[in-house]
Protein backbone atom coordinates (compact mmCIF):
# COMPACT_ATOMS: atom_id res chain seq x y z
CA UNK A 1 -13.28 18.37 -4.61
CA UNK A 2 -11.67 16.11 -2.31
CA UNK A 3 -7.95 15.14 -2.55
CA UNK A 4 -6.97 11.79 -2.96
CA UNK A 5 -3.46 11.11 -2.12
CA UNK A 6 -1.68 8.20 -3.41
CA UNK A 7 1.84 6.87 -3.04
CA UNK A 8 3.71 6.18 -6.43
CA UNK A 9 6.99 4.14 -6.53
CA UNK A 10 9.56 6.29 -8.15
CA UNK A 11 10.32 6.06 -11.85
CA UNK A 12 14.20 6.23 -11.77
CA UNK A 13 16.40 7.76 -14.40
CA UNK A 14 19.58 9.49 -14.19
CA UNK A 15 21.91 11.92 -16.21
CA UNK A 16 25.55 10.63 -16.79
CA UNK A 17 28.11 12.21 -14.57
CA UNK A 18 31.51 11.44 -13.24
CA UNK A 19 32.88 12.76 -9.97
CA UNK A 20 35.07 12.07 -6.94
CA UNK A 21 35.24 14.37 -3.94
CA UNK A 22 38.64 14.27 -2.20
CA UNK A 23 39.06 14.41 1.46
CA UNK A 24 41.48 13.33 4.13
CA UNK A 25 42.05 12.53 7.65
CA UNK A 26 39.72 12.56 10.54
CA UNK A 27 38.18 15.70 9.36
CA UNK A 28 37.19 14.16 6.00
CA UNK A 29 33.52 13.75 6.64
CA UNK A 30 33.12 17.26 8.13
CA UNK A 31 35.02 18.65 4.95
CA UNK A 32 32.68 16.74 2.92
CA UNK A 33 29.59 17.95 4.49
CA UNK A 34 30.98 21.47 4.29
CA UNK A 35 31.64 21.15 0.64
CA UNK A 36 28.25 19.66 -0.49
CA UNK A 37 26.50 22.48 1.12
CA UNK A 38 28.14 24.88 -1.14
CA UNK A 39 25.65 26.46 -3.67
CA UNK A 40 27.21 25.02 -6.72
CA UNK A 41 28.12 21.30 -5.25
CA UNK A 42 31.17 21.40 -7.59
CA UNK A 43 32.77 18.76 -5.59
CA UNK A 44 30.40 16.33 -7.23
CA UNK A 45 30.37 17.88 -10.82
CA UNK A 46 26.59 17.61 -10.90
CA UNK A 47 25.06 18.98 -14.13
CA UNK A 48 23.27 22.32 -14.29
CA UNK A 49 19.70 22.13 -13.52
CA UNK A 50 18.66 23.61 -16.74
CA UNK A 51 20.25 20.40 -18.26
CA UNK A 52 18.28 17.63 -16.51
CA UNK A 53 15.28 17.62 -18.68
CA UNK A 54 17.18 16.96 -21.72
CA UNK A 55 18.73 13.81 -20.15
CA UNK A 56 15.31 12.55 -18.93
CA UNK A 57 13.66 12.74 -22.48
CA UNK A 58 15.58 9.63 -23.34
CA UNK A 59 14.87 7.63 -20.47
CA UNK A 60 11.37 8.26 -18.99
CA UNK A 61 10.21 5.02 -16.88
CA UNK A 62 6.53 4.97 -16.28
CA UNK A 63 6.37 1.78 -14.57
CA UNK A 64 5.10 1.37 -10.92
CA UNK A 65 7.14 -0.71 -8.53
CA UNK A 66 10.63 -0.10 -10.16
CA UNK A 67 13.54 -1.25 -8.33
CA UNK A 68 16.21 1.21 -7.03
CA UNK A 69 18.48 -0.29 -9.63
CA UNK A 70 16.81 1.32 -12.59
CA UNK A 71 18.81 4.46 -13.24
CA UNK A 72 20.41 5.86 -16.32
CA UNK A 73 23.98 6.19 -14.48
CA UNK A 74 25.81 6.73 -11.43
CA UNK A 75 28.99 8.27 -10.03
CA UNK A 76 31.82 6.51 -7.98
CA UNK A 77 31.49 2.68 -7.33
CA UNK A 78 28.04 0.91 -6.99
CA UNK A 79 26.89 -2.47 -6.30
CA UNK A 80 23.42 -4.32 -7.12
CA UNK A 81 22.64 -6.76 -4.20
CA UNK A 82 19.42 -8.24 -4.85
CA UNK A 83 17.08 -5.59 -5.94
CA UNK A 84 18.67 -2.82 -4.11
CA UNK A 85 21.41 -0.34 -5.18
CA UNK A 86 24.71 -0.16 -3.01
CA UNK A 87 26.62 3.17 -3.01
CA UNK A 88 29.99 1.58 -2.19
CA UNK A 89 32.21 4.77 -1.40
CA UNK A 90 35.81 4.19 -0.35
CA UNK A 91 38.04 6.39 1.69
CA UNK A 92 38.30 9.77 0.49
CA UNK A 93 35.78 9.26 -2.38
CA UNK A 94 32.19 9.57 -3.00
CA UNK A 95 29.54 7.40 -4.73
CA UNK A 96 26.09 8.65 -5.90
CA UNK A 97 22.92 8.07 -7.94
CA UNK A 98 20.73 10.62 -9.40
CA UNK A 99 17.02 9.94 -9.90
CA UNK A 100 13.95 11.49 -11.53
CA UNK A 101 10.28 11.35 -11.25
CA UNK A 102 7.77 12.66 -13.77
CA UNK A 103 5.19 14.52 -11.52
CA UNK A 104 3.03 16.02 -14.58
CA UNK A 105 0.55 18.48 -12.82
CA UNK A 106 0.26 16.62 -9.67
CA UNK A 107 1.35 18.68 -6.54
CA UNK A 108 4.18 16.68 -4.69
CA UNK A 109 3.89 16.25 -0.93
CA UNK A 110 6.97 14.01 0.04
CA UNK A 111 9.65 11.95 -1.02
CA UNK A 112 10.48 9.01 1.33
CA UNK A 113 13.89 7.08 1.14
CA UNK A 114 14.68 3.76 2.84
CA UNK A 115 18.39 2.76 3.37
CA UNK A 116 20.57 0.40 5.12
CA UNK A 117 24.13 1.37 6.13
CA UNK A 118 26.74 -1.44 5.98
CA UNK A 119 29.52 0.71 7.60
CA UNK A 120 27.43 2.91 9.89
CA UNK A 121 24.84 5.61 9.12
CA UNK A 122 25.43 8.52 6.86
CA UNK A 123 23.38 9.27 3.57
CA UNK A 124 23.10 12.72 1.90
CA UNK A 125 20.26 13.55 -0.22
CA UNK A 126 19.90 16.72 -2.64
CA UNK A 127 16.97 17.88 -4.60
CA UNK A 128 16.91 20.13 -7.60
CA UNK A 129 15.41 23.45 -6.55
CA UNK A 130 13.88 25.25 -9.55
CA UNK A 131 13.03 28.22 -7.36
CA UNK A 132 16.68 29.14 -6.46
CA UNK A 133 18.30 27.34 -9.36
CA UNK A 134 20.57 25.11 -7.30
CA UNK A 135 20.66 21.78 -5.27
CA UNK A 136 19.09 21.62 -1.77
CA UNK A 137 21.28 19.40 0.27
CA UNK A 138 19.48 17.84 3.26
CA UNK A 139 21.39 16.98 6.52
CA UNK A 140 23.08 13.74 6.76
CA UNK A 141 20.65 11.03 7.19
CA UNK A 142 21.21 8.97 10.33
CA UNK A 143 17.92 6.85 10.45
CA UNK A 144 17.19 4.01 7.99
CA UNK A 145 13.99 5.86 6.54
CA UNK A 146 13.95 9.46 5.76
CA UNK A 147 11.07 11.61 4.59
CA UNK A 148 11.40 15.08 3.09
CA UNK A 149 8.47 17.35 2.67
CA UNK A 150 8.15 18.57 -0.87
CA UNK A 151 5.31 21.05 -0.87
CA UNK A 152 6.17 24.23 -2.75
CA UNK A 153 6.83 27.59 -0.82
CA UNK A 154 8.65 30.74 -1.72
CA UNK A 155 11.89 29.44 -1.56
CA UNK A 156 11.15 25.70 -2.97
CA UNK A 157 10.09 24.50 -6.26
CA UNK A 158 11.34 20.94 -6.94
CA UNK A 159 9.40 20.53 -10.39
CA UNK A 160 11.22 21.40 -13.55
CA UNK A 161 9.88 23.37 -16.48
CA UNK A 162 9.02 20.00 -18.19
CA UNK A 163 7.10 18.60 -15.11
CA UNK A 164 10.15 16.38 -13.53
CA UNK A 165 11.49 16.10 -10.11
CA UNK A 166 15.36 15.22 -9.66
CA UNK A 167 17.25 14.06 -6.34
CA UNK A 168 20.58 12.61 -5.54
CA UNK A 169 21.29 9.99 -2.99
CA UNK A 170 25.25 10.07 -2.26
CA UNK A 171 27.64 8.48 0.26
CA UNK A 172 30.97 9.68 1.33
CA UNK A 173 34.45 8.25 2.74
CA UNK A 174 33.41 4.60 3.08
CA UNK A 175 30.04 5.21 4.71
CA UNK A 176 28.28 2.82 2.47
CA UNK A 177 24.64 3.42 1.64
CA UNK A 178 22.33 0.82 0.28
CA UNK A 179 19.07 2.17 -1.08
CA UNK A 180 15.97 -0.24 -0.56
CA UNK A 181 13.06 1.89 -1.28
CA UNK A 182 12.19 5.22 -3.15
CA UNK A 183 8.77 6.53 -2.81
CA UNK A 184 7.14 9.67 -3.96
CA UNK A 185 3.93 10.81 -2.30
CA UNK A 186 1.70 13.20 -4.60
CA UNK A 187 -1.59 14.99 -4.41
CA UNK A 188 -3.74 13.39 -7.31
CA UNK A 189 -7.25 14.78 -7.56
CA UNK A 190 -9.82 12.57 -8.92
CA UNK A 191 -10.44 12.99 -12.65
CA UNK A 192 -13.50 14.87 -13.28
CA UNK A 193 -16.72 12.95 -13.70
CA UNK A 194 -20.08 13.58 -15.53
CA UNK A 195 -23.51 11.83 -15.85
CA UNK A 196 -25.36 10.23 -18.65
CA UNK A 197 -29.25 10.00 -18.44
CA UNK A 198 -32.11 9.21 -20.80
CA UNK A 199 -35.51 7.44 -20.96
CA UNK A 200 -37.07 4.19 -22.21
CA UNK A 201 -40.55 4.47 -23.47
CA UNK A 202 -43.11 2.58 -25.82
CA UNK A 203 -44.28 4.04 -29.09
CA UNK A 204 -46.94 5.96 -27.14
CA UNK A 205 -44.60 7.53 -24.71
CA UNK A 206 -45.24 5.47 -21.80
CA UNK A 207 -42.08 4.80 -19.76
CA UNK A 208 -41.08 1.16 -19.64
CA UNK A 209 -39.80 0.18 -16.13
CA UNK A 210 -37.44 -2.45 -15.28
CA UNK A 211 -35.21 -2.20 -18.37
CA UNK A 212 -31.60 -2.95 -17.74
CA UNK A 213 -29.15 -0.34 -19.33
CA UNK A 214 -25.54 -1.38 -19.57
CA UNK A 215 -22.63 1.07 -20.08
CA UNK A 216 -19.67 -0.29 -21.70
CA UNK A 217 -16.58 -0.54 -21.56
CA UNK A 218 -16.80 -1.42 -17.90
CA UNK A 219 -19.38 -3.32 -15.82
CA UNK A 220 -21.70 -0.53 -14.94
CA UNK A 221 -25.51 -0.97 -15.30
CA UNK A 222 -28.83 0.39 -14.04
CA UNK A 223 -32.43 -0.11 -14.39
CA UNK A 224 -35.24 2.33 -15.62
CA UNK A 225 -37.64 3.49 -12.75
CA UNK A 226 -41.37 3.58 -13.15
CA UNK A 227 -41.37 6.26 -15.52
CA UNK A 228 -38.79 4.66 -17.85
CA UNK A 229 -36.03 7.05 -16.68
CA UNK A 230 -32.28 5.97 -16.13
CA UNK A 231 -29.05 7.90 -15.20
CA UNK A 232 -25.27 7.09 -14.52
CA UNK A 233 -23.29 9.08 -12.29
CA UNK A 234 -19.62 9.51 -11.94
CA UNK A 235 -18.61 8.66 -15.53
CA UNK A 236 -15.23 9.72 -16.56
CA UNK A 237 -14.64 11.39 -20.10
CA UNK A 238 -14.38 8.81 -22.71
CA UNK A 239 -16.38 6.70 -25.37
CA UNK A 240 -19.29 4.49 -24.17
CA UNK A 241 -21.94 2.44 -25.49
CA UNK A 242 -25.45 2.25 -23.87
CA UNK A 243 -27.48 -1.01 -24.38
CA UNK A 244 -31.04 -1.57 -23.19
CA UNK A 245 -32.38 -5.12 -22.54
CA UNK A 246 -35.64 -6.63 -21.21
CA UNK A 247 -37.33 -9.96 -21.55
CA UNK A 248 -39.95 -9.81 -24.34
CA UNK A 249 -38.77 -6.49 -25.66
CA UNK A 250 -36.62 -5.16 -28.52
CA UNK A 251 -35.28 -1.53 -28.53
CA UNK A 252 -34.64 1.12 -31.14
CA UNK A 253 -31.89 1.77 -31.41
CA UNK A 254 -30.36 -1.41 -30.08
CA UNK A 255 -27.39 0.72 -28.77
CA UNK A 256 -26.47 4.39 -28.42
CA UNK A 257 -22.88 5.91 -28.42
CA UNK A 258 -22.28 8.23 -25.42
CA UNK A 259 -19.08 10.38 -25.90
CA UNK A 260 -18.36 12.19 -22.70
CA UNK A 261 -16.17 14.95 -23.10
CA UNK A 262 -16.44 17.92 -20.56
CA UNK A 263 -20.24 18.00 -19.73
CA UNK A 264 -23.22 15.74 -18.53
CA UNK A 265 -25.03 13.88 -21.32
CA UNK A 266 -28.78 13.87 -21.51
CA UNK A 267 -31.55 12.50 -23.78
CA UNK A 268 -30.03 9.19 -24.40
CA UNK A 269 -33.46 7.66 -25.18
CA UNK A 270 -34.64 4.32 -26.61
CA UNK A 271 -38.13 3.15 -27.74
CA UNK A 272 -39.14 -0.24 -26.49
CA UNK A 273 -41.42 -2.86 -28.29
CA UNK A 274 -42.88 -5.69 -26.72
CA UNK A 275 -42.45 -9.12 -28.45
CA UNK A 276 -44.62 -10.97 -26.03
CA UNK A 277 -47.93 -12.50 -27.15
CA UNK A 278 -50.86 -10.91 -25.52
CA UNK A 279 -52.50 -12.97 -22.68
CA UNK A 280 -55.86 -14.47 -23.54
CA UNK A 281 -58.53 -16.21 -21.45
CA UNK A 282 -58.70 -19.35 -23.63
CA UNK A 283 -54.79 -19.56 -24.04
CA UNK A 284 -53.68 -18.73 -20.45
CA UNK A 285 -56.54 -17.85 -17.88
CA UNK A 286 -59.17 -20.45 -18.16
CA UNK A 287 -56.75 -23.23 -16.87
CA UNK A 288 -56.06 -21.08 -13.82
CA UNK A 289 -59.67 -20.96 -13.23
CA UNK A 290 -60.69 -24.40 -13.50
CA UNK A 291 -57.56 -26.25 -12.53
CA UNK A 292 -56.76 -27.81 -15.79
CA UNK A 293 -53.40 -26.25 -16.30
CA UNK A 294 -51.57 -27.56 -13.23
CA UNK A 295 -51.51 -28.55 -9.61
CA UNK A 296 -52.49 -25.29 -7.83
CA UNK A 297 -55.69 -24.80 -6.43
CA UNK A 298 -58.36 -23.22 -8.80
CA UNK A 299 -61.40 -21.01 -8.30
CA UNK A 300 -63.72 -23.97 -9.11
CA UNK A 301 -61.84 -26.19 -6.91
CA UNK A 302 -63.05 -23.86 -3.85
CA UNK A 303 -66.13 -22.37 -4.79
CA UNK A 304 -67.72 -25.10 -7.05
CA UNK A 305 -68.02 -22.16 -9.76
CA UNK A 306 -69.56 -19.70 -7.69
CA UNK A 307 -67.96 -16.30 -7.13
CA UNK A 308 -67.70 -15.55 -3.24
CA UNK A 309 -69.52 -12.22 -3.38
CA UNK A 310 -72.06 -13.15 -6.08
CA UNK A 311 -74.09 -16.10 -7.34
CA UNK A 312 -71.95 -16.28 -10.60
CA UNK A 313 -70.71 -19.26 -12.35
CA UNK A 314 -66.86 -18.63 -12.94
CA UNK A 315 -66.76 -21.25 -15.70
CA UNK A 316 -67.41 -18.95 -18.39
CA UNK A 317 -65.38 -16.18 -19.99
CA UNK A 318 -67.97 -13.49 -19.40
CA UNK A 319 -68.22 -14.02 -15.79
CA UNK A 320 -64.44 -13.99 -15.23
CA UNK A 321 -63.90 -10.95 -17.37
CA UNK A 322 -66.58 -8.89 -15.55
CA UNK A 323 -65.18 -10.03 -12.09
CA UNK A 324 -61.41 -9.59 -13.02
CA UNK A 325 -60.76 -6.76 -10.82
CA UNK A 326 -62.31 -8.37 -7.73
CA UNK A 327 -60.70 -11.77 -8.61
CA UNK A 328 -57.19 -10.00 -9.03
CA UNK A 329 -57.75 -8.22 -5.54
CA UNK A 330 -58.40 -11.42 -3.98
CA UNK A 331 -55.64 -13.68 -5.47
CA UNK A 332 -53.18 -11.02 -4.35
CA UNK A 333 -54.20 -10.64 -0.88
CA UNK A 334 -51.27 -10.61 1.59
CA UNK A 335 -53.26 -11.98 4.64
CA UNK A 336 -53.29 -15.64 4.27
CA UNK A 337 -56.87 -15.89 5.91
CA UNK A 338 -58.21 -13.93 2.90
CA UNK A 339 -56.36 -15.60 0.27
CA UNK A 340 -58.15 -16.86 -2.83
CA UNK A 341 -57.20 -19.95 -3.21
CA UNK A 342 -57.24 -20.56 0.47
CA UNK A 343 -55.38 -22.94 2.67
CA UNK A 344 -51.85 -22.02 1.91
CA UNK A 345 -52.46 -22.66 -1.70
CA UNK A 346 -51.74 -19.13 -3.09
CA UNK A 347 -51.12 -18.86 -6.72
CA UNK A 348 -47.34 -18.78 -7.85
CA UNK A 349 -46.10 -15.17 -8.57
CA UNK A 350 -45.79 -16.07 -12.21
CA UNK A 351 -49.49 -16.96 -12.34
CA UNK A 352 -50.51 -13.81 -10.25
CA UNK A 353 -48.57 -11.88 -13.04
CA UNK A 354 -50.13 -13.63 -15.84
CA UNK A 355 -53.70 -12.67 -14.40
CA UNK A 356 -52.52 -9.08 -14.16
CA UNK A 357 -51.09 -8.96 -17.60
CA UNK A 358 -54.29 -10.40 -18.90
CA UNK A 359 -56.12 -7.31 -17.44
CA UNK A 360 -53.34 -5.18 -18.89
CA UNK A 361 -53.80 -6.74 -22.31
CA UNK A 362 -57.37 -6.02 -22.44
CA UNK A 363 -59.16 -9.20 -21.04
CA UNK A 364 -58.80 -10.69 -24.34
CA UNK A 365 -60.81 -13.96 -25.10
CA UNK A 366 -58.50 -15.74 -27.62
């Protein structure tokens, strides 16, 4: 199965914490960097990893395209310019925000964060590592866009027991960080799909071609083939309704329910019954032969009632019935030199179909 990778804007949610990190002098930044790389990250007073899921239960955000300002809480001083989040740290102090994203069963690929730096570059990012049970601090970010690979290996597992990923963005010692975009990339396999198939036939079991079968909800539809068979592919699990339709036909049943669970559905069959009146010579065909029913050329117009290959008067029902196959062949000729009627006066497709239907209906007189 192919992998479909999609970018999902992070759903932001935070667990309440308060922390300030003291530092001093020109060595303050180095001291901070050394401190936050300690296993416990005690200087920030971050919660235990085992407690994070309990915080998230109260603040799940499922929307797509959520602003960086959508969080549960932060530490230090923050600002909200526009739709961004400003981590406004001061000298010898820290500001931070903790975010989470519900991964479910989707394998994570990467986390992309985009920043601006009002006072020069320097953002720190930490991810909750459930393999080691501690925070993984990344090197200080110097670029405005940082991407961290999240694929799990022997020393990394960024998904909590309840399917959440947690990460922290922090600023230190007046190196303010403005968060403008947070993006998680996850591997999202396409949902499993199945097929629905069936047949539409008349009461004698003869397939009916050209029946439109609609699948709802949705806009999918298909037509039956020459044997009356139809099928839908790529149908996701769910409850659907099949509805057949064709001019001059009714169907039993009028609709069929199709519940797709975990396998293909077959045998969704319908019986069609024509509602059209049979075509008769007197009501439909005679006017085509003698020209009384319209402006098209007729057999009598061109041949004075004599059939081209025999000395027969086509003004009678019996003569037309007995020569119906030959007449049908000639009126359906594709070479204009052999058309009947000739001189580019070929019958309309509706009249060609009518003559064929007269044959199919049994060459009825009335």
